């Protein structure tokens, strides 16, 4: 029972970490693309 709860916690934490990592990477990519685009 306890191991099951710990497993769920690990799964949720890993999912949250992946989501935050994807958000950080996408925001960084957007910033880089904006820098690459010529200013209007």
C-alpha atoms as a PDB file:
ATOM      1  CA  UNK A   1       0.000   0.000   0.000  1.00  0.00           C
ATOM      2  CA  UNK A   2       2.727   2.450   0.967  1.00  0.00           C
ATOM      3  CA  UNK A   3       4.905   1.455  -1.987  1.00  0.00           C
ATOM      4  CA  UNK A   4       1.914   2.026  -4.273  1.00  0.00           C
ATOM      5  CA  UNK A   5       1.506   5.594  -2.960  1.00  0.00           C
ATOM      6  CA  UNK A   6       5.225   6.250  -3.386  1.00  0.00           C
ATOM      7  CA  UNK A   7       5.057   4.916  -6.937  1.00  0.00           C
ATOM      8  CA  UNK A   8       2.168   7.275  -7.749  1.00  0.00           C
ATOM      9  CA  UNK A   9       4.102  10.184  -6.245  1.00  0.00           C
ATOM     10  CA  UNK A  10       7.126   9.357  -8.386  1.00  0.00           C
ATOM     11  CA  UNK A  11       4.979   9.144 -11.508  1.00  0.00           C
ATOM     12  CA  UNK A  12       3.300  12.486 -10.817  1.00  0.00           C
ATOM     13  CA  UNK A  13       6.606  14.191 -10.003  1.00  0.00           C
ATOM     14  CA  UNK A  14       8.205  12.855 -13.189  1.00  0.00           C
ATOM     15  CA  UNK A  15       5.228  14.064 -15.243  1.00  0.00           C
ATOM     16  CA  UNK A  16       5.427  17.538 -13.682  1.00  0.00           C
ATOM     17  CA  UNK A  17       9.171  17.667 -14.328  1.00  0.00           C
ATOM     18  CA  UNK A  18       8.654  16.687 -17.966  1.00  0.00           C
ATOM     19  CA  UNK A  19       5.952  19.330 -18.413  1.00  0.00           C
ATOM     20  CA  UNK A  20       8.082  22.084 -16.878  1.00  0.00           C
ATOM     21  CA  UNK A  21      11.066  20.984 -18.961  1.00  0.00           C
ATOM     22  CA  UNK A  22       8.990  21.104 -22.156  1.00  0.00           C
ATOM     23  CA  UNK A  23       7.673  24.563 -21.239  1.00  0.00           C
ATOM     24  CA  UNK A  24      11.178  25.854 -20.531  1.00  0.00           C
ATOM     25  CA  UNK A  25      12.522  24.408 -23.784  1.00  0.00           C
ATOM     26  CA  UNK A  26       9.635  25.794 -25.848  1.00  0.00           C
ATOM     27  CA  UNK A  27       9.941  29.264 -24.291  1.00  0.00           C
ATOM     28  CA  UNK A  28      13.705  29.211 -24.894  1.00  0.00           C
ATOM     29  CA  UNK A  29      13.115  28.111 -28.491  1.00  0.00           C
ATOM     30  CA  UNK A  30      10.612  30.940 -29.018  1.00  0.00           C
ATOM     31  CA  UNK A  31      13.072  33.468 -27.606  1.00  0.00           C
ATOM     32  CA  UNK A  32      15.829  32.157 -29.890  1.00  0.00           C
ATOM     33  CA  UNK A  33      13.567  32.258 -32.954  1.00  0.00           C
ATOM     34  CA  UNK A  34      12.571  35.837 -32.105  1.00  0.00           C
ATOM     35  CA  UNK A  35      16.255  36.746 -31.922  1.00  0.00           C
ATOM     36  CA  UNK A  36      16.879  35.073 -35.292  1.00  0.00           C
ATOM     37  CA  UNK A  37      13.987  36.889 -36.971  1.00  0.00           C
ATOM     38  CA  UNK A  38      14.847  40.261 -38.518  1.00  0.00           C
ATOM     39  CA  UNK A  39      13.473  43.250 -36.650  1.00  0.00           C
ATOM     40  CA  UNK A  40      10.630  45.039 -38.387  1.00  0.00           C
END
